[in-house]
Amino acid sequence: MSATDSNDGKKRGTQAAGAGDEKRKRLCKTREAADYLKLSPRTLEDLRFKGGGPPYYRLGSGRRGLVVYDEADLNSWLEMRKRD
């Protein structure tokens, strides 16, 4: 008998992938995030530098680390700016 269940392909004896874990984040690079927000990448960079922009992650060390944005954070940032 194999180590996987023929019905769903999951390994036996291990917890189902994602069970109890946070949903995987959809991360966007600066250009993708800017397109999503209908901003220029430069405007998004300025917001990051000056403050007031959406939360972001810097992957890697120092100023040369890759900056990425969680799509859920972009949506929340947009909602906070919604006006009636």
PDB file of N, CA and C in Angstrom:
ATOM      1  N   MET A   1       0.843  -1.180   0.000  1.00  0.00           N
ATOM      2  CA  MET A   1       0.000   0.000   0.000  1.00  0.00           C
ATOM      3  C   MET A   1       0.883   1.236   0.000  1.00  0.00           C
ATOM      4  N   SER A   2       0.508   2.265  -0.755  1.00  0.00           N
ATOM      5  CA  SER A   2       1.337   3.463  -0.862  1.00  0.00           C
ATOM      6  C   SER A   2       1.120   4.381   0.330  1.00  0.00           C
ATOM      7  N   ALA A   3       1.985   5.395   0.443  1.00  0.00           N
ATOM      8  CA  ALA A   3       1.905   6.353   1.544  1.00  0.00           C
ATOM      9  C   ALA A   3       0.834   7.406   1.306  1.00  0.00           C
ATOM     10  N   THR A   4       0.207   7.385   0.138  1.00  0.00           N
ATOM     11  CA  THR A   4      -0.833   8.382  -0.131  1.00  0.00           C
ATOM     12  C   THR A   4      -2.172   7.706  -0.306  1.00  0.00           C
ATOM     13  N   ASP A   5      -3.203   8.389   0.014  1.00  0.00           N
ATOM     14  CA  ASP A   5      -4.566   7.898  -0.162  1.00  0.00           C
ATOM     15  C   ASP A   5      -4.936   8.113  -1.624  1.00  0.00           C
ATOM     16  N   SER A   6      -5.405   7.089  -2.283  1.00  0.00           N
ATOM     17  CA  SER A   6      -5.698   7.186  -3.716  1.00  0.00           C
ATOM     18  C   SER A   6      -6.848   8.150  -4.014  1.00  0.00           C
ATOM     19  N   ASN A   7      -7.677   8.478  -3.021  1.00  0.00           N
ATOM     20  CA  ASN A   7      -8.818   9.365  -3.253  1.00  0.00           C
ATOM     21  C   ASN A   7      -8.437  10.833  -3.342  1.00  0.00           C
ATOM     22  N   ASP A   8      -7.490  11.268  -2.481  1.00  0.00           N
ATOM     23  CA  ASP A   8      -7.209  12.700  -2.465  1.00  0.00           C
ATOM     24  C   ASP A   8      -5.725  13.048  -2.576  1.00  0.00           C
ATOM     25  N   GLY A   9      -4.837  12.088  -2.621  1.00  0.00           N
ATOM     26  CA  GLY A   9      -3.420  12.363  -2.815  1.00  0.00           C
ATOM     27  C   GLY A   9      -2.702  12.877  -1.583  1.00  0.00           C
ATOM     28  N   LYS A  10      -3.375  12.922  -0.428  1.00  0.00           N
ATOM     29  CA  LYS A  10      -2.733  13.410   0.797  1.00  0.00           C
ATOM     30  C   LYS A  10      -1.991  12.267   1.470  1.00  0.00           C
ATOM     31  N   LYS A  11      -0.854  12.596   2.079  1.00  0.00           N
ATOM     32  CA  LYS A  11      -0.100  11.575   2.793  1.00  0.00           C
ATOM     33  C   LYS A  11      -0.850  11.185   4.054  1.00  0.00           C
ATOM     34  N   ARG A  12      -0.827   9.898   4.342  1.00  0.00           N
ATOM     35  CA  ARG A  12      -1.443   9.412   5.566  1.00  0.00           C
ATOM     36  C   ARG A  12      -0.524   9.694   6.737  1.00  0.00           C
ATOM     37  N   GLY A  13      -1.130   9.874   7.878  1.00  0.00           N
ATOM     38  CA  GLY A  13      -0.343  10.067   9.083  1.00  0.00           C
ATOM     39  C   GLY A  13       0.157  11.493   9.246  1.00  0.00           C
ATOM     40  N   THR A  14      -0.157  12.358   8.333  1.00  0.00           N
ATOM     41  CA  THR A  14       0.222  13.755   8.475  1.00  0.00           C
ATOM     42  C   THR A  14      -1.034  14.595   8.489  1.00  0.00           C
ATOM     43  N   GLN A  15      -0.924  15.756   9.069  1.00  0.00           N
ATOM     44  CA  GLN A  15      -2.055  16.674   9.105  1.00  0.00           C
ATOM     45  C   GLN A  15      -2.305  17.196   7.701  1.00  0.00           C
ATOM     46  N   ALA A  16      -3.562  17.360   7.342  1.00  0.00           N
ATOM     47  CA  ALA A  16      -3.917  17.881   6.021  1.00  0.00           C
ATOM     48  C   ALA A  16      -3.276  19.238   5.821  1.00  0.00           C
ATOM     49  N   ALA A  17      -2.761  19.476   4.631  1.00  0.00           N
ATOM     50  CA  ALA A  17      -2.112  20.744   4.313  1.00  0.00           C
ATOM     51  C   ALA A  17      -3.074  21.894   4.542  1.00  0.00           C
ATOM     52  N   GLY A  18      -2.630  22.887   5.297  1.00  0.00           N
ATOM     53  CA  GLY A  18      -3.442  24.064   5.537  1.00  0.00           C
ATOM     54  C   GLY A  18      -4.397  23.926   6.704  1.00  0.00           C
ATOM     55  N   ALA A  19      -4.593  22.736   7.219  1.00  0.00           N
ATOM     56  CA  ALA A  19      -5.522  22.552   8.328  1.00  0.00           C
ATOM     57  C   ALA A  19      -4.976  23.255   9.568  1.00  0.00           C
ATOM     58  N   GLY A  20      -5.729  24.207  10.078  1.00  0.00           N
ATOM     59  CA  GLY A  20      -5.311  24.944  11.261  1.00  0.00           C
ATOM     60  C   GLY A  20      -4.325  26.057  10.961  1.00  0.00           C
ATOM     61  N   ASP A  21      -3.827  26.136   9.753  1.00  0.00           N
ATOM     62  CA  ASP A  21      -2.871  27.175   9.378  1.00  0.00           C
ATOM     63  C   ASP A  21      -3.600  28.365   8.786  1.00  0.00           C
ATOM     64  N   GLU A  22      -2.947  29.497   8.832  1.00  0.00           N
ATOM     65  CA  GLU A  22      -3.494  30.694   8.192  1.00  0.00           C
ATOM     66  C   GLU A  22      -3.489  30.491   6.685  1.00  0.00           C
ATOM     67  N   LYS A  23      -4.494  31.038   6.027  1.00  0.00           N
ATOM     68  CA  LYS A  23      -4.570  30.937   4.570  1.00  0.00           C
ATOM     69  C   LYS A  23      -3.321  31.566   3.968  1.00  0.00           C
ATOM     70  N   ARG A  24      -2.809  30.970   2.915  1.00  0.00           N
ATOM     71  CA  ARG A  24      -1.597  31.475   2.269  1.00  0.00           C
ATOM     72  C   ARG A  24      -1.828  32.884   1.726  1.00  0.00           C
ATOM     73  N   LYS A  25      -0.868  33.763   1.971  1.00  0.00           N
ATOM     74  CA  LYS A  25      -0.975  35.156   1.547  1.00  0.00           C
ATOM     75  C   LYS A  25      -0.669  35.292   0.068  1.00  0.00           C
ATOM     76  N   ARG A  26      -1.383  36.179  -0.588  1.00  0.00           N
ATOM     77  CA  ARG A  26      -1.113  36.530  -1.983  1.00  0.00           C
ATOM     78  C   ARG A  26      -0.246  37.771  -1.931  1.00  0.00           C
ATOM     79  N   LEU A  27       1.035  37.631  -2.268  1.00  0.00           N
ATOM     80  CA  LEU A  27       1.984  38.726  -2.195  1.00  0.00           C
ATOM     81  C   LEU A  27       2.225  39.333  -3.567  1.00  0.00           C
ATOM     82  N   CYS A  28       2.314  40.666  -3.608  1.00  0.00           N
ATOM     83  CA  CYS A  28       2.511  41.408  -4.845  1.00  0.00           C
ATOM     84  C   CYS A  28       3.772  42.247  -4.724  1.00  0.00           C
ATOM     85  N   LYS A  29       4.565  42.278  -5.784  1.00  0.00           N
ATOM     86  CA  LYS A  29       5.700  43.198  -5.836  1.00  0.00           C
ATOM     87  C   LYS A  29       5.168  44.615  -6.008  1.00  0.00           C
ATOM     88  N   THR A  30       6.050  45.595  -5.877  1.00  0.00           N
ATOM     89  CA  THR A  30       5.638  46.997  -5.921  1.00  0.00           C
ATOM     90  C   THR A  30       4.859  47.332  -7.185  1.00  0.00           C
ATOM     91  N   ARG A  31       5.340  46.919  -8.336  1.00  0.00           N
ATOM     92  CA  ARG A  31       4.649  47.251  -9.591  1.00  0.00           C
ATOM     93  C   ARG A  31       3.249  46.632  -9.627  1.00  0.00           C
ATOM     94  N   GLU A  32       3.131  45.368  -9.205  1.00  0.00           N
ATOM     95  CA  GLU A  32       1.823  44.712  -9.182  1.00  0.00           C
ATOM     96  C   GLU A  32       0.875  45.402  -8.207  1.00  0.00           C
ATOM     97  N   ALA A  33       1.398  45.770  -7.033  1.00  0.00           N
ATOM     98  CA  ALA A  33       0.577  46.446  -6.035  1.00  0.00           C
ATOM     99  C   ALA A  33       0.129  47.809  -6.547  1.00  0.00           C
ATOM    100  N   ALA A  34       1.031  48.529  -7.195  1.00  0.00           N
ATOM    101  CA  ALA A  34       0.687  49.843  -7.745  1.00  0.00           C
ATOM    102  C   ALA A  34      -0.398  49.705  -8.808  1.00  0.00           C
ATOM    103  N   ASP A  35      -0.260  48.727  -9.692  1.00  0.00           N
ATOM    104  CA  ASP A  35      -1.295  48.483 -10.708  1.00  0.00           C
ATOM    105  C   ASP A  35      -2.635  48.167 -10.048  1.00  0.00           C
ATOM    106  N   TYR A  36      -2.601  47.340  -9.032  1.00  0.00           N
ATOM    107  CA  TYR A  36      -3.813  46.944  -8.313  1.00  0.00           C
ATOM    108  C   TYR A  36      -4.512  48.159  -7.698  1.00  0.00           C
ATOM    109  N   LEU A  37      -3.706  49.093  -7.160  1.00  0.00           N
ATOM    110  CA  LEU A  37      -4.243  50.285  -6.504  1.00  0.00           C
ATOM    111  C   LEU A  37      -4.495  51.438  -7.468  1.00  0.00           C
ATOM    112  N   LYS A  38      -4.133  51.236  -8.737  1.00  0.00           N
ATOM    113  CA  LYS A  38      -4.264  52.285  -9.760  1.00  0.00           C
ATOM    114  C   LYS A  38      -3.388  53.493  -9.425  1.00  0.00           C
ATOM    115  N   LEU A  39      -2.176  53.213  -8.916  1.00  0.00           N
ATOM    116  CA  LEU A  39      -1.176  54.225  -8.617  1.00  0.00           C
ATOM    117  C   LEU A  39       0.073  53.939  -9.438  1.00  0.00           C
ATOM    118  N   SER A  40       0.949  54.913  -9.528  1.00  0.00           N
ATOM    119  CA  SER A  40       2.232  54.643 -10.159  1.00  0.00           C
ATOM    120  C   SER A  40       3.139  53.970  -9.122  1.00  0.00           C
ATOM    121  N   PRO A  41       4.086  53.160  -9.571  1.00  0.00           N
ATOM    122  CA  PRO A  41       5.030  52.558  -8.623  1.00  0.00           C
ATOM    123  C   PRO A  41       5.773  53.620  -7.808  1.00  0.00           C
ATOM    124  N   ARG A  42       6.086  54.742  -8.434  1.00  0.00           N
ATOM    125  CA  ARG A  42       6.787  55.829  -7.737  1.00  0.00           C
ATOM    126  C   ARG A  42       5.931  56.400  -6.601  1.00  0.00           C
ATOM    127  N   THR A  43       4.636  56.573  -6.836  1.00  0.00           N
ATOM    128  CA  THR A  43       3.742  57.065  -5.787  1.00  0.00           C
ATOM    129  C   THR A  43       3.703  56.087  -4.625  1.00  0.00           C
ATOM    130  N   LEU A  44       3.633  54.801  -4.915  1.00  0.00           N
ATOM    131  CA  LEU A  44       3.618  53.782  -3.863  1.00  0.00           C
ATOM    132  C   LEU A  44       4.933  53.797  -3.084  1.00  0.00           C
ATOM    133  N   GLU A  45       6.052  53.972  -3.769  1.00  0.00           N
ATOM    134  CA  GLU A  45       7.350  54.080  -3.097  1.00  0.00           C
ATOM    135  C   GLU A  45       7.390  55.316  -2.205  1.00  0.00           C
ATOM    136  N   ASP A  46       6.870  56.439  -2.686  1.00  0.00           N
ATOM    137  CA  ASP A  46       6.826  57.657  -1.875  1.00  0.00           C
ATOM    138  C   ASP A  46       5.981  57.458  -0.623  1.00  0.00           C
ATOM    139  N   LEU A  47       4.833  56.795  -0.772  1.00  0.00           N
ATOM    140  CA  LEU A  47       3.984  56.511   0.387  1.00  0.00           C
ATOM    141  C   LEU A  47       4.711  55.617   1.386  1.00  0.00           C
ATOM    142  N   ARG A  48       5.488  54.692   0.887  1.00  0.00           N
ATOM    143  CA  ARG A  48       6.249  53.800   1.758  1.00  0.00           C
ATOM    144  C   ARG A  48       7.314  54.586   2.522  1.00  0.00           C
ATOM    145  N   PHE A  49       7.966  55.505   1.840  1.00  0.00           N
ATOM    146  CA  PHE A  49       9.039  56.296   2.439  1.00  0.00           C
ATOM    147  C   PHE A  49       8.495  57.327   3.432  1.00  0.00           C
ATOM    148  N   LYS A  50       7.424  58.028   3.046  1.00  0.00           N
ATOM    149  CA  LYS A  50       6.870  59.113   3.861  1.00  0.00           C
ATOM    150  C   LYS A  50       5.881  58.622   4.912  1.00  0.00           C
ATOM    151  N   GLY A  51       5.345  57.440   4.719  1.00  0.00           N
ATOM    152  CA  GLY A  51       4.333  56.914   5.623  1.00  0.00           C
ATOM    153  C   GLY A  51       2.945  57.141   5.040  1.00  0.00           C
ATOM    154  N   GLY A  52       1.991  56.392   5.536  1.00  0.00           N
ATOM    155  CA  GLY A  52       0.620  56.541   5.077  1.00  0.00           C
ATOM    156  C   GLY A  52       0.215  55.555   3.998  1.00  0.00           C
ATOM    157  N   GLY A  53       1.152  54.784   3.508  1.00  0.00           N
ATOM    158  CA  GLY A  53       0.843  53.780   2.496  1.00  0.00           C
ATOM    159  C   GLY A  53       0.413  52.475   3.134  1.00  0.00           C
ATOM    160  N   PRO A  54       0.080  51.500   2.307  1.00  0.00           N
ATOM    161  CA  PRO A  54      -0.324  50.191   2.843  1.00  0.00           C
ATOM    162  C   PRO A  54       0.851  49.479   3.509  1.00  0.00           C
ATOM    163  N   PRO A  55       0.567  48.599   4.455  1.00  0.00           N
ATOM    164  CA  PRO A  55       1.624  47.809   5.086  1.00  0.00           C
ATOM    165  C   PRO A  55       2.368  46.977   4.041  1.00  0.00           C
ATOM    166  N   TYR A  56       3.627  46.713   4.292  1.00  0.00           N
ATOM    167  CA  TYR A  56       4.446  45.945   3.359  1.00  0.00           C
ATOM    168  C   TYR A  56       5.446  45.084   4.116  1.00  0.00           C
ATOM    169  N   TYR A  57       6.039  44.158   3.405  1.00  0.00           N
ATOM    170  CA  TYR A  57       7.103  43.310   3.925  1.00  0.00           C
ATOM    171  C   TYR A  57       8.369  43.602   3.142  1.00  0.00           C
ATOM    172  N   ARG A  58       9.506  43.610   3.834  1.00  0.00           N
ATOM    173  CA  ARG A  58      10.789  43.714   3.155  1.00  0.00           C
ATOM    174  C   ARG A  58      11.479  42.362   3.341  1.00  0.00           C
ATOM    175  N   LEU A  59      11.649  41.660   2.241  1.00  0.00           N
ATOM    176  CA  LEU A  59      12.272  40.335   2.265  1.00  0.00           C
ATOM    177  C   LEU A  59      13.736  40.496   1.895  1.00  0.00           C
ATOM    178  N   GLY A  60      14.584  40.093   2.767  1.00  0.00           N
ATOM    179  CA  GLY A  60      16.010  40.296   2.550  1.00  0.00           C
ATOM    180  C   GLY A  60      16.496  41.394   3.478  1.00  0.00           C
ATOM    181  N   SER A  61      17.777  41.643   3.419  1.00  0.00           N
ATOM    182  CA  SER A  61      18.346  42.604   4.363  1.00  0.00           C
ATOM    183  C   SER A  61      18.595  43.958   3.718  1.00  0.00           C
ATOM    184  N   GLY A  62      18.534  44.967   4.544  1.00  0.00           N
ATOM    185  CA  GLY A  62      18.876  46.314   4.115  1.00  0.00           C
ATOM    186  C   GLY A  62      17.919  46.911   3.110  1.00  0.00           C
ATOM    187  N   ARG A  63      18.361  47.982   2.507  1.00  0.00           N
ATOM    188  CA  ARG A  63      17.535  48.719   1.563  1.00  0.00           C
ATOM    189  C   ARG A  63      17.307  47.952   0.267  1.00  0.00           C
ATOM    190  N   ARG A  64      18.131  46.964   0.001  1.00  0.00           N
ATOM    191  CA  ARG A  64      18.030  46.237  -1.258  1.00  0.00           C
ATOM    192  C   ARG A  64      17.103  45.027  -1.175  1.00  0.00           C
ATOM    193  N   GLY A  65      16.469  44.834  -0.019  1.00  0.00           N
ATOM    194  CA  GLY A  65      15.543  43.724   0.142  1.00  0.00           C
ATOM    195  C   GLY A  65      14.307  43.912  -0.741  1.00  0.00           C
ATOM    196  N   LEU A  66      13.732  42.821  -1.151  1.00  0.00           N
ATOM    197  CA  LEU A  66      12.534  42.847  -1.981  1.00  0.00           C
ATOM    198  C   LEU A  66      11.338  43.299  -1.157  1.00  0.00           C
ATOM    199  N   VAL A  67      10.590  44.270  -1.665  1.00  0.00           N
ATOM    200  CA  VAL A  67       9.391  44.763  -0.993  1.00  0.00           C
ATOM    201  C   VAL A  67       8.180  44.101  -1.634  1.00  0.00           C
ATOM    202  N   VAL A  68       7.321  43.532  -0.787  1.00  0.00           N
ATOM    203  CA  VAL A  68       6.088  42.908  -1.256  1.00  0.00           C
ATOM    204  C   VAL A  68       4.931  43.351  -0.373  1.00  0.00           C
ATOM    205  N   TYR A  69       3.748  43.302  -0.956  1.00  0.00           N
ATOM    206  CA  TYR A  69       2.512  43.700  -0.274  1.00  0.00           C
ATOM    207  C   TYR A  69       1.560  42.520  -0.269  1.00  0.00           C
ATOM    208  N   ASP A  70       0.877  42.337   0.855  1.00  0.00           N
ATOM    209  CA  ASP A  70      -0.167  41.321   0.963  1.00  0.00           C
ATOM    210  C   ASP A  70      -1.436  41.906   0.328  1.00  0.00           C
ATOM    211  N   GLU A  71      -2.048  41.176  -0.581  1.00  0.00           N
ATOM    212  CA  GLU A  71      -3.240  41.659  -1.264  1.00  0.00           C
ATOM    213  C   GLU A  71      -4.352  42.023  -0.278  1.00  0.00           C
ATOM    214  N   ALA A  72      -4.468  41.273   0.805  1.00  0.00           N
ATOM    215  CA  ALA A  72      -5.486  41.577   1.818  1.00  0.00           C
ATOM    216  C   ALA A  72      -5.209  42.943   2.453  1.00  0.00           C
ATOM    217  N   ASP A  73      -3.940  43.276   2.677  1.00  0.00           N
ATOM    218  CA  ASP A  73      -3.590  44.585   3.229  1.00  0.00           C
ATOM    219  C   ASP A  73      -3.904  45.696   2.236  1.00  0.00           C
ATOM    220  N   LEU A  74      -3.706  45.443   0.960  1.00  0.00           N
ATOM    221  CA  LEU A  74      -4.048  46.440  -0.061  1.00  0.00           C
ATOM    222  C   LEU A  74      -5.550  46.711  -0.046  1.00  0.00           C
ATOM    223  N   ASN A  75      -6.340  45.646   0.065  1.00  0.00           N
ATOM    224  CA  ASN A  75      -7.800  45.802   0.132  1.00  0.00           C
ATOM    225  C   ASN A  75      -8.221  46.582   1.376  1.00  0.00           C
ATOM    226  N   SER A  76      -7.614  46.277   2.518  1.00  0.00           N
ATOM    227  CA  SER A  76      -7.931  46.988   3.759  1.00  0.00           C
ATOM    228  C   SER A  76      -7.552  48.459   3.658  1.00  0.00           C
ATOM    229  N   TRP A  77      -6.390  48.729   3.078  1.00  0.00           N
ATOM    230  CA  TRP A  77      -5.921  50.106   2.908  1.00  0.00           C
ATOM    231  C   TRP A  77      -6.895  50.890   2.028  1.00  0.00           C
ATOM    232  N   LEU A  78      -7.370  50.259   0.965  1.00  0.00           N
ATOM    233  CA  LEU A  78      -8.352  50.905   0.097  1.00  0.00           C
ATOM    234  C   LEU A  78      -9.649  51.190   0.851  1.00  0.00           C
ATOM    235  N   GLU A  79     -10.129  50.211   1.600  1.00  0.00           N
ATOM    236  CA  GLU A  79     -11.387  50.368   2.336  1.00  0.00           C
ATOM    237  C   GLU A  79     -11.307  51.509   3.343  1.00  0.00           C
ATOM    238  N   MET A  80     -10.146  51.701   3.972  1.00  0.00           N
ATOM    239  CA  MET A  80      -9.985  52.785   4.946  1.00  0.00           C
ATOM    240  C   MET A  80     -10.075  54.155   4.279  1.00  0.00           C
ATOM    241  N   ARG A  81      -9.901  54.211   2.992  1.00  0.00           N
ATOM    242  CA  ARG A  81      -9.958  55.471   2.252  1.00  0.00           C
ATOM    243  C   ARG A  81     -11.285  55.705   1.554  1.00  0.00           C
ATOM    244  N   LYS A  82     -12.191  54.786   1.741  1.00  0.00           N
ATOM    245  CA  LYS A  82     -13.514  54.891   1.108  1.00  0.00           C
ATOM    246  C   LYS A  82     -14.296  56.047   1.726  1.00  0.00           C
ATOM    247  N   ARG A  83     -14.877  56.853   0.864  1.00  0.00           N
ATOM    248  CA  ARG A  83     -15.671  57.998   1.305  1.00  0.00           C
ATOM    249  C   ARG A  83     -17.087  57.863   0.785  1.00  0.00           C
ATOM    250  N   ASP A  84     -18.036  58.354   1.562  1.00  0.00           N
ATOM    251  CA  ASP A  84     -19.444  58.312   1.142  1.00  0.00           C
ATOM    252  C   ASP A  84     -19.759  59.392   0.139  1.00  0.00           C
TER     253      ASP A  84
END
